Amino acid sequence: ITLVTLGAVRLGIGRLPAGTTTRSLVGVSLVAGIGFTVSIFVSELAIESPVALGTAKLSVLIASLLAAVLGVLLLRRSDGSGAPPQL
């Protein structure tokens, strides 16, 4: 998400919305990485070994948790105040 969006901006194909920073774009991109349901479903279809399937599920959950934590940290600091974003 980050690379394609920044590439489009640099090529003049698109532009970021007013008030959007690169930091907030990266934060939202990281939060988008939380979608682990499909990854676990595909793992169950593709992997037969119970040990390998367990490893795949744990890896997906850890990656999702890491994406969530990093995304929230970046988004909380994206406006420089450290305050939670106003909805």
Protein backbone atom coordinates (compact mmCIF):
# COMPACT_ATOMS: atom_id res chain seq x y z
CA ILE A 1 0.00 0.00 0.00
CA THR A 2 2.75 2.42 0.96
CA LEU A 3 4.97 1.78 -2.06
CA VAL A 4 2.17 1.97 -4.62
CA THR A 5 0.68 5.10 -3.06
CA LEU A 6 4.00 6.93 -2.80
CA GLY A 7 4.89 5.79 -6.33
CA ALA A 8 1.62 7.20 -7.66
CA VAL A 9 2.25 10.50 -5.86
CA ARG A 10 5.81 10.77 -7.19
CA LEU A 11 4.69 9.96 -10.73
CA GLY A 12 1.96 12.59 -10.53
CA ILE A 13 -0.80 10.00 -10.95
CA GLY A 14 -2.35 10.86 -7.59
CA ARG A 15 -1.88 12.95 -4.49
CA LEU A 16 -2.29 12.43 -0.79
CA PRO A 17 -5.36 13.98 0.85
CA ALA A 18 -4.80 17.31 2.58
CA GLY A 19 -3.19 16.83 5.98
CA THR A 20 -1.97 13.31 5.22
CA THR A 21 1.66 12.71 6.09
CA THR A 22 3.94 9.92 4.94
CA ARG A 23 4.02 8.71 8.54
CA SER A 24 0.22 8.42 8.68
CA LEU A 25 0.22 6.64 5.30
CA VAL A 26 2.72 4.08 6.61
CA GLY A 27 0.70 3.69 9.81
CA VAL A 28 -2.51 2.96 7.92
CA SER A 29 -0.61 0.57 5.64
CA LEU A 30 0.65 -1.34 8.67
CA VAL A 31 -2.82 -1.52 10.18
CA ALA A 32 -4.04 -2.96 6.86
CA GLY A 33 -1.64 -5.84 7.49
CA ILE A 34 -3.81 -7.10 10.34
CA GLY A 35 -6.11 -9.12 8.06
CA PHE A 36 -5.00 -12.57 9.17
CA THR A 37 -8.23 -14.53 8.66
CA VAL A 38 -7.60 -15.27 4.99
CA SER A 39 -3.95 -16.13 5.65
CA ILE A 40 -4.91 -18.72 8.25
CA PHE A 41 -7.61 -20.15 5.96
CA VAL A 42 -5.17 -20.50 3.06
CA SER A 43 -2.60 -22.08 5.39
CA GLU A 44 -5.14 -24.70 6.43
CA LEU A 45 -5.81 -25.53 2.78
CA ALA A 46 -2.18 -25.60 1.68
CA ILE A 47 -0.32 -27.22 4.58
CA GLU A 48 -0.87 -30.84 5.60
CA SER A 49 1.67 -31.23 8.40
CA PRO A 50 0.17 -30.33 11.79
CA VAL A 51 3.52 -28.96 12.98
CA ALA A 52 4.00 -26.79 9.89
CA LEU A 53 0.37 -25.61 10.09
CA GLY A 54 0.85 -24.61 13.72
CA THR A 55 4.00 -22.72 12.80
CA ALA A 56 2.20 -20.95 9.94
CA LYS A 57 -0.71 -19.92 12.19
CA LEU A 58 1.61 -18.64 14.90
CA SER A 59 3.63 -16.69 12.32
CA VAL A 60 0.48 -15.07 10.90
CA LEU A 61 -0.74 -14.10 14.37
CA ILE A 62 2.64 -12.64 15.37
CA ALA A 63 2.88 -10.67 12.11
CA SER A 64 -0.65 -9.34 12.60
CA LEU A 65 0.09 -8.29 16.17
CA LEU A 66 3.31 -6.59 15.07
CA ALA A 67 1.48 -4.77 12.25
CA ALA A 68 -1.20 -3.59 14.68
CA VAL A 69 1.26 -2.33 17.28
CA LEU A 70 3.52 -0.55 14.78
CA GLY A 71 0.54 0.93 12.93
CA VAL A 72 -1.02 2.30 16.10
CA LEU A 73 2.29 3.75 17.28
CA LEU A 74 2.87 5.49 13.95
CA LEU A 75 -0.68 6.80 13.74
CA ARG A 76 -0.62 8.14 17.30
CA ARG A 77 2.49 10.14 16.44
CA SER A 78 1.55 11.13 12.90
CA ASP A 79 0.27 14.58 13.87
CA GLY A 80 3.19 15.25 16.18
CA SER A 81 1.04 15.66 19.29
CA GLY A 82 0.91 12.03 20.39
CA ALA A 83 -2.82 12.43 21.02
CA PRO A 84 -5.28 9.86 19.70
CA PRO A 85 -6.82 10.90 16.36
CA GLN A 86 -10.21 12.63 16.50
CA LEU A 87 -13.00 10.84 14.67
